[in-house]
PDB file of all heavy atoms in Angstrom:
ATOM      1  N   ARG A   1     -12.699 -24.172  -4.808  1.00  0.00           N
ATOM      2  CA  ARG A   1     -13.400 -22.883  -4.841  1.00  0.00           C
ATOM      3  C   ARG A   1     -12.438 -21.697  -4.749  1.00  0.00           C
ATOM      4  O   ARG A   1     -12.873 -20.552  -4.590  1.00  0.00           O
ATOM      5  CB  ARG A   1     -14.439 -22.831  -3.721  1.00  0.00           C
ATOM      6  CG  ARG A   1     -15.577 -23.845  -3.947  1.00  0.00           C
ATOM      7  CD  ARG A   1     -16.645 -23.787  -2.883  1.00  0.00           C
ATOM      8  NE  ARG A   1     -17.702 -24.754  -3.168  1.00  0.00           N
ATOM      9  CZ  ARG A   1     -18.702 -25.070  -2.354  1.00  0.00           C
ATOM     10  NH1 ARG A   1     -18.782 -24.474  -1.159  1.00  0.00           N
ATOM     11  NH2 ARG A   1     -19.613 -25.953  -2.687  1.00  0.00           N
ATOM     12  N   GLY A   2     -11.153 -21.964  -4.829  1.00  0.00           N
ATOM     13  CA  GLY A   2     -10.168 -20.889  -4.862  1.00  0.00           C
ATOM     14  C   GLY A   2      -9.953 -20.206  -3.542  1.00  0.00           C
ATOM     15  O   GLY A   2      -9.479 -19.058  -3.499  1.00  0.00           O
ATOM     16  N   GLU A   3     -10.228 -20.887  -2.431  1.00  0.00           N
ATOM     17  CA  GLU A   3     -10.100 -20.289  -1.103  1.00  0.00           C
ATOM     18  C   GLU A   3      -8.739 -20.561  -0.475  1.00  0.00           C
ATOM     19  O   GLU A   3      -8.471 -20.127   0.647  1.00  0.00           O
ATOM     20  CB  GLU A   3     -11.224 -20.805  -0.199  1.00  0.00           C
ATOM     21  CG  GLU A   3     -12.613 -20.356  -0.689  1.00  0.00           C
ATOM     22  CD  GLU A   3     -13.748 -21.080   0.001  1.00  0.00           C
ATOM     23  OE1 GLU A   3     -13.474 -21.866   0.936  1.00  0.00           O
ATOM     24  OE2 GLU A   3     -14.902 -20.888  -0.414  1.00  0.00           O
ATOM     25  N   VAL A   4      -7.881 -21.302  -1.187  1.00  0.00           N
ATOM     26  CA  VAL A   4      -6.497 -21.523  -0.762  1.00  0.00           C
ATOM     27  C   VAL A   4      -5.607 -20.994  -1.881  1.00  0.00           C
ATOM     28  O   VAL A   4      -5.731 -21.410  -3.035  1.00  0.00           O
ATOM     29  CB  VAL A   4      -6.218 -23.016  -0.511  1.00  0.00           C
ATOM     30  CG1 VAL A   4      -4.761 -23.222  -0.121  1.00  0.00           C
ATOM     31  CG2 VAL A   4      -7.143 -23.560   0.579  1.00  0.00           C
ATOM     32  N   ILE A   5      -4.709 -20.049  -1.551  1.00  0.00           N
ATOM     33  CA  ILE A   5      -3.935 -19.343  -2.580  1.00  0.00           C
ATOM     34  C   ILE A   5      -2.465 -19.259  -2.161  1.00  0.00           C
ATOM     35  O   ILE A   5      -2.152 -18.976  -0.998  1.00  0.00           O
ATOM     36  CB  ILE A   5      -4.487 -17.914  -2.796  1.00  0.00           C
ATOM     37  CG1 ILE A   5      -5.925 -17.980  -3.332  1.00  0.00           C
ATOM     38  CG2 ILE A   5      -3.612 -17.122  -3.752  1.00  0.00           C
ATOM     39  CD1 ILE A   5      -6.607 -16.627  -3.399  1.00  0.00           C
ATOM     40  N   ALA A   6      -1.582 -19.513  -3.119  1.00  0.00           N
ATOM     41  CA  ALA A   6      -0.147 -19.272  -2.916  1.00  0.00           C
ATOM     42  C   ALA A   6       0.196 -17.956  -3.593  1.00  0.00           C
ATOM     43  O   ALA A   6      -0.039 -17.779  -4.793  1.00  0.00           O
ATOM     44  CB  ALA A   6       0.670 -20.408  -3.513  1.00  0.00           C
ATOM     45  N   LYS A   7       0.724 -17.023  -2.814  1.00  0.00           N
ATOM     46  CA  LYS A   7       1.021 -15.690  -3.351  1.00  0.00           C
ATOM     47  C   LYS A   7       2.337 -15.203  -2.765  1.00  0.00           C
ATOM     48  O   LYS A   7       2.488 -15.116  -1.544  1.00  0.00           O
ATOM     49  CB  LYS A   7      -0.104 -14.713  -3.013  1.00  0.00           C
ATOM     50  CG  LYS A   7       0.066 -13.334  -3.634  1.00  0.00           C
ATOM     51  CD  LYS A   7      -1.145 -12.456  -3.342  1.00  0.00           C
ATOM     52  CE  LYS A   7      -1.012 -11.101  -4.030  1.00  0.00           C
ATOM     53  NZ  LYS A   7      -2.175 -10.227  -3.755  1.00  0.00           N
ATOM     54  N   GLY A   8       3.285 -14.908  -3.648  1.00  0.00           N
ATOM     55  CA  GLY A   8       4.584 -14.423  -3.178  1.00  0.00           C
ATOM     56  C   GLY A   8       5.268 -15.470  -2.338  1.00  0.00           C
ATOM     57  O   GLY A   8       5.496 -16.597  -2.774  1.00  0.00           O
ATOM     58  N   GLU A   9       5.557 -15.117  -1.099  1.00  0.00           N
ATOM     59  CA  GLU A   9       6.279 -16.029  -0.205  1.00  0.00           C
ATOM     60  C   GLU A   9       5.364 -16.686   0.818  1.00  0.00           C
ATOM     61  O   GLU A   9       5.838 -17.222   1.826  1.00  0.00           O
ATOM     62  CB  GLU A   9       7.383 -15.256   0.517  1.00  0.00           C
ATOM     63  CG  GLU A   9       8.435 -14.681  -0.428  1.00  0.00           C
ATOM     64  CD  GLU A   9       9.495 -13.884   0.318  1.00  0.00           C
ATOM     65  OE1 GLU A   9       9.292 -13.637   1.532  1.00  0.00           O
ATOM     66  OE2 GLU A   9      10.502 -13.525  -0.299  1.00  0.00           O
ATOM     67  N   HIS A  10       4.047 -16.671   0.559  1.00  0.00           N
ATOM     68  CA  HIS A  10       3.120 -17.210   1.541  1.00  0.00           C
ATOM     69  C   HIS A  10       2.036 -18.067   0.889  1.00  0.00           C
ATOM     70  O   HIS A  10       1.646 -17.851  -0.261  1.00  0.00           O
ATOM     71  CB  HIS A  10       2.453 -16.080   2.344  1.00  0.00           C
ATOM     72  CG  HIS A  10       3.401 -15.356   3.242  1.00  0.00           C
ATOM     73  ND1 HIS A  10       4.102 -14.252   2.818  1.00  0.00           N
ATOM     74  CD2 HIS A  10       3.774 -15.590   4.535  1.00  0.00           C
ATOM     75  CE1 HIS A  10       4.861 -13.813   3.810  1.00  0.00           C
ATOM     76  NE2 HIS A  10       4.678 -14.606   4.857  1.00  0.00           N
ATOM     77  N   LEU A  11       1.555 -19.025   1.660  1.00  0.00           N
ATOM     78  CA  LEU A  11       0.376 -19.810   1.308  1.00  0.00           C
ATOM     79  C   LEU A  11      -0.741 -19.358   2.232  1.00  0.00           C
ATOM     80  O   LEU A  11      -0.592 -19.376   3.454  1.00  0.00           O
ATOM     81  CB  LEU A  11       0.655 -21.302   1.503  1.00  0.00           C
ATOM     82  CG  LEU A  11      -0.518 -22.250   1.222  1.00  0.00           C
ATOM     83  CD1 LEU A  11      -0.840 -22.286  -0.273  1.00  0.00           C
ATOM     84  CD2 LEU A  11      -0.182 -23.667   1.714  1.00  0.00           C
ATOM     85  N   ARG A  12      -1.862 -18.929   1.645  1.00  0.00           N
ATOM     86  CA  ARG A  12      -2.963 -18.400   2.448  1.00  0.00           C
ATOM     87  C   ARG A  12      -4.084 -19.427   2.533  1.00  0.00           C
ATOM     88  O   ARG A  12      -4.614 -19.883   1.535  1.00  0.00           O
ATOM     89  CB  ARG A  12      -3.498 -17.102   1.838  1.00  0.00           C
ATOM     90  CG  ARG A  12      -4.416 -16.331   2.794  1.00  0.00           C
ATOM     91  CD  ARG A  12      -4.894 -15.041   2.177  1.00  0.00           C
ATOM     92  NE  ARG A  12      -5.905 -15.275   1.153  1.00  0.00           N
ATOM     93  CZ  ARG A  12      -6.063 -14.540   0.062  1.00  0.00           C
ATOM     94  NH1 ARG A  12      -5.248 -13.526  -0.164  1.00  0.00           N
ATOM     95  NH2 ARG A  12      -7.021 -14.806  -0.804  1.00  0.00           N
ATOM     96  N   LEU A  13      -4.441 -19.777   3.777  1.00  0.00           N
ATOM     97  CA  LEU A  13      -5.549 -20.684   4.057  1.00  0.00           C
ATOM     98  C   LEU A  13      -6.503 -19.951   4.990  1.00  0.00           C
ATOM     99  O   LEU A  13      -6.240 -19.852   6.182  1.00  0.00           O
ATOM    100  CB  LEU A  13      -5.066 -21.972   4.724  1.00  0.00           C
ATOM    101  CG  LEU A  13      -3.932 -22.727   4.041  1.00  0.00           C
ATOM    102  CD1 LEU A  13      -2.625 -22.502   4.781  1.00  0.00           C
ATOM    103  CD2 LEU A  13      -4.237 -24.209   3.978  1.00  0.00           C
ATOM    104  N   GLY A  14      -7.578 -19.432   4.467  1.00  0.00           N
ATOM    105  CA  GLY A  14      -8.463 -18.625   5.287  1.00  0.00           C
ATOM    106  C   GLY A  14      -7.704 -17.416   5.816  1.00  0.00           C
ATOM    107  O   GLY A  14      -7.114 -16.655   5.054  1.00  0.00           O
ATOM    108  N   THR A  15      -7.680 -17.258   7.133  1.00  0.00           N
ATOM    109  CA  THR A  15      -6.961 -16.136   7.746  1.00  0.00           C
ATOM    110  C   THR A  15      -5.526 -16.510   8.123  1.00  0.00           C
ATOM    111  O   THR A  15      -4.793 -15.687   8.664  1.00  0.00           O
ATOM    112  CB  THR A  15      -7.704 -15.671   9.012  1.00  0.00           C
ATOM    113  OG1 THR A  15      -7.821 -16.768   9.926  1.00  0.00           O
ATOM    114  CG2 THR A  15      -9.110 -15.166   8.663  1.00  0.00           C
ATOM    115  N   THR A  16      -5.136 -17.750   7.842  1.00  0.00           N
ATOM    116  CA  THR A  16      -3.798 -18.227   8.197  1.00  0.00           C
ATOM    117  C   THR A  16      -2.851 -18.079   7.014  1.00  0.00           C
ATOM    118  O   THR A  16      -3.206 -18.388   5.871  1.00  0.00           O
ATOM    119  CB  THR A  16      -3.856 -19.705   8.629  1.00  0.00           C
ATOM    120  OG1 THR A  16      -4.730 -19.839   9.742  1.00  0.00           O
ATOM    121  CG2 THR A  16      -2.478 -20.215   9.012  1.00  0.00           C
ATOM    122  N   GLN A  17      -1.650 -17.591   7.273  1.00  0.00           N
ATOM    123  CA  GLN A  17      -0.624 -17.501   6.246  1.00  0.00           C
ATOM    124  C   GLN A  17       0.583 -18.345   6.649  1.00  0.00           C
ATOM    125  O   GLN A  17       1.055 -18.244   7.775  1.00  0.00           O
ATOM    126  CB  GLN A  17      -0.184 -16.049   6.019  1.00  0.00           C
ATOM    127  CG  GLN A  17      -1.209 -15.219   5.277  1.00  0.00           C
ATOM    128  CD  GLN A  17      -0.580 -14.000   4.642  1.00  0.00           C
ATOM    129  OE1 GLN A  17      -0.576 -13.846   3.420  1.00  0.00           O
ATOM    130  NE2 GLN A  17      -0.053 -13.117   5.452  1.00  0.00           N
ATOM    131  N   LEU A  18       1.052 -19.175   5.710  1.00  0.00           N
ATOM    132  CA  LEU A  18       2.213 -20.015   5.950  1.00  0.00           C
ATOM    133  C   LEU A  18       3.359 -19.561   5.059  1.00  0.00           C
ATOM    134  O   LEU A  18       3.145 -19.260   3.877  1.00  0.00           O
ATOM    135  CB  LEU A  18       1.882 -21.480   5.637  1.00  0.00           C
ATOM    136  CG  LEU A  18       0.711 -22.113   6.387  1.00  0.00           C
ATOM    137  CD1 LEU A  18       0.459 -23.512   5.859  1.00  0.00           C
ATOM    138  CD2 LEU A  18       1.000 -22.150   7.885  1.00  0.00           C
ATOM    139  N   PRO A  19       4.581 -19.509   5.584  1.00  0.00           N
ATOM    140  CA  PRO A  19       5.726 -19.109   4.746  1.00  0.00           C
ATOM    141  C   PRO A  19       6.075 -20.216   3.757  1.00  0.00           C
ATOM    142  O   PRO A  19       6.023 -21.401   4.081  1.00  0.00           O
ATOM    143  CB  PRO A  19       6.847 -18.907   5.767  1.00  0.00           C
ATOM    144  CG  PRO A  19       6.470 -19.784   6.914  1.00  0.00           C
ATOM    145  CD  PRO A  19       4.970 -19.789   6.970  1.00  0.00           C
ATOM    146  N   LEU A  20       6.431 -19.811   2.540  1.00  0.00           N
ATOM    147  CA  LEU A  20       6.860 -20.750   1.513  1.00  0.00           C
ATOM    148  C   LEU A  20       8.371 -20.653   1.347  1.00  0.00           C
ATOM    149  O   LEU A  20       8.925 -19.547   1.323  1.00  0.00           O
ATOM    150  CB  LEU A  20       6.172 -20.451   0.182  1.00  0.00           C
ATOM    151  CG  LEU A  20       4.664 -20.696   0.118  1.00  0.00           C
ATOM    152  CD1 LEU A  20       4.100 -20.186  -1.208  1.00  0.00           C
ATOM    153  CD2 LEU A  20       4.348 -22.173   0.299  1.00  0.00           C
ATOM    154  N   PRO A  21       9.056 -21.772   1.202  1.00  0.00           N
ATOM    155  CA  PRO A  21      10.519 -21.709   1.009  1.00  0.00           C
ATOM    156  C   PRO A  21      10.868 -21.071  -0.324  1.00  0.00           C
ATOM    157  O   PRO A  21      10.198 -21.303  -1.341  1.00  0.00           O
ATOM    158  CB  PRO A  21      10.933 -23.186   1.055  1.00  0.00           C
ATOM    159  CG  PRO A  21       9.703 -23.962   0.762  1.00  0.00           C
ATOM    160  CD  PRO A  21       8.554 -23.150   1.268  1.00  0.00           C
ATOM    161  N   SER A  22      11.909 -20.279  -0.341  1.00  0.00           N
ATOM    162  CA  SER A  22      12.323 -19.590  -1.570  1.00  0.00           C
ATOM    163  C   SER A  22      12.744 -20.566  -2.653  1.00  0.00           C
ATOM    164  O   SER A  22      12.684 -20.260  -3.848  1.00  0.00           O
ATOM    165  CB  SER A  22      13.478 -18.630  -1.264  1.00  0.00           C
ATOM    166  OG  SER A  22      14.578 -19.342  -0.711  1.00  0.00           O
ATOM    167  N   THR A  23      13.142 -21.780  -2.258  1.00  0.00           N
ATOM    168  CA  THR A  23      13.572 -22.783  -3.231  1.00  0.00           C
ATOM    169  C   THR A  23      12.436 -23.240  -4.141  1.00  0.00           C
ATOM    170  O   THR A  23      12.686 -23.865  -5.171  1.00  0.00           O
ATOM    171  CB  THR A  23      14.151 -24.013  -2.511  1.00  0.00           C
ATOM    172  OG1 THR A  23      13.231 -24.424  -1.493  1.00  0.00           O
ATOM    173  CG2 THR A  23      15.493 -23.700  -1.882  1.00  0.00           C
ATOM    174  N   LEU A  24      11.188 -22.945  -3.759  1.00  0.00           N
ATOM    175  CA  LEU A  24      10.069 -23.298  -4.634  1.00  0.00           C
ATOM    176  C   LEU A  24      10.016 -22.414  -5.868  1.00  0.00           C
ATOM    177  O   LEU A  24       9.414 -22.775  -6.884  1.00  0.00           O
ATOM    178  CB  LEU A  24       8.736 -23.194  -3.869  1.00  0.00           C
ATOM    179  CG  LEU A  24       8.495 -24.251  -2.794  1.00  0.00           C
ATOM    180  CD1 LEU A  24       7.219 -23.947  -2.030  1.00  0.00           C
ATOM    181  CD2 LEU A  24       8.411 -25.638  -3.421  1.00  0.00           C
ATOM    182  N   GLY A  25      10.627 -21.238  -5.793  1.00  0.00           N
ATOM    183  CA  GLY A  25      10.691 -20.354  -6.951  1.00  0.00           C
ATOM    184  C   GLY A  25       9.329 -19.914  -7.456  1.00  0.00           C
ATOM    185  O   GLY A  25       9.112 -19.803  -8.665  1.00  0.00           O
ATOM    186  N   LEU A  26       8.399 -19.649  -6.546  1.00  0.00           N
ATOM    187  CA  LEU A  26       7.053 -19.248  -6.950  1.00  0.00           C
ATOM    188  C   LEU A  26       7.061 -17.773  -7.342  1.00  0.00           C
ATOM    189  O   LEU A  26       7.284 -16.899  -6.513  1.00  0.00           O
ATOM    190  CB  LEU A  26       6.076 -19.483  -5.788  1.00  0.00           C
ATOM    191  CG  LEU A  26       4.594 -19.394  -6.117  1.00  0.00           C
ATOM    192  CD1 LEU A  26       4.186 -20.506  -7.066  1.00  0.00           C
ATOM    193  CD2 LEU A  26       3.761 -19.478  -4.837  1.00  0.00           C
ATOM    194  N   SER A  27       6.794 -17.497  -8.615  1.00  0.00           N
ATOM    195  CA  SER A  27       6.895 -16.119  -9.111  1.00  0.00           C
ATOM    196  C   SER A  27       5.544 -15.495  -9.409  1.00  0.00           C
ATOM    197  O   SER A  27       5.468 -14.336  -9.804  1.00  0.00           O
ATOM    198  CB  SER A  27       7.749 -16.092 -10.387  1.00  0.00           C
ATOM    199  OG  SER A  27       7.180 -16.923 -11.382  1.00  0.00           O
ATOM    200  N   ARG A  28       4.456 -16.252  -9.234  1.00  0.00           N
ATOM    201  CA  ARG A  28       3.141 -15.705  -9.544  1.00  0.00           C
ATOM    202  C   ARG A  28       2.116 -16.251  -8.542  1.00  0.00           C
ATOM    203  O   ARG A  28       2.361 -17.238  -7.851  1.00  0.00           O
ATOM    204  CB  ARG A  28       2.725 -16.085 -10.963  1.00  0.00           C
ATOM    205  CG  ARG A  28       2.681 -17.592 -11.200  1.00  0.00           C
ATOM    206  CD  ARG A  28       2.364 -17.928 -12.647  1.00  0.00           C
ATOM    207  NE  ARG A  28       2.431 -19.366 -12.889  1.00  0.00           N
ATOM    208  CZ  ARG A  28       1.470 -20.221 -12.626  1.00  0.00           C
ATOM    209  NH1 ARG A  28       0.340 -19.803 -12.074  1.00  0.00           N
ATOM    210  NH2 ARG A  28       1.610 -21.510 -12.895  1.00  0.00           N
ATOM    211  N   THR A  29       0.979 -15.578  -8.495  1.00  0.00           N
ATOM    212  CA  THR A  29      -0.105 -16.059  -7.640  1.00  0.00           C
ATOM    213  C   THR A  29      -0.688 -17.335  -8.231  1.00  0.00           C
ATOM    214  O   THR A  29      -0.902 -17.427  -9.436  1.00  0.00           O
ATOM    215  CB  THR A  29      -1.202 -14.986  -7.525  1.00  0.00           C
ATOM    216  OG1 THR A  29      -0.638 -13.823  -6.933  1.00  0.00           O
ATOM    217  CG2 THR A  29      -2.353 -15.486  -6.668  1.00  0.00           C
ATOM    218  N   GLU A  30      -0.903 -18.297  -7.380  1.00  0.00           N
ATOM    219  CA  GLU A  30      -1.408 -19.582  -7.850  1.00  0.00           C
ATOM    220  C   GLU A  30      -2.559 -20.031  -6.960  1.00  0.00           C
ATOM    221  O   GLU A  30      -2.450 -20.023  -5.739  1.00  0.00           O
ATOM    222  CB  GLU A  30      -0.287 -20.623  -7.843  1.00  0.00           C
ATOM    223  CG  GLU A  30      -0.664 -21.938  -8.467  1.00  0.00           C
ATOM    224  CD  GLU A  30       0.527 -22.860  -8.648  1.00  0.00           C
ATOM    225  OE1 GLU A  30       1.657 -22.455  -8.305  1.00  0.00           O
ATOM    226  OE2 GLU A  30       0.327 -23.989  -9.129  1.00  0.00           O
TER     227      GLU A  30
END
């Protein structure tokens, strides 16, 4: 349902944000 999103340097789960390692090279919202 699109309620978990990776954006920039973070993974958003509800109100929780987790840092993403730069080595993942995520350049767009997913």
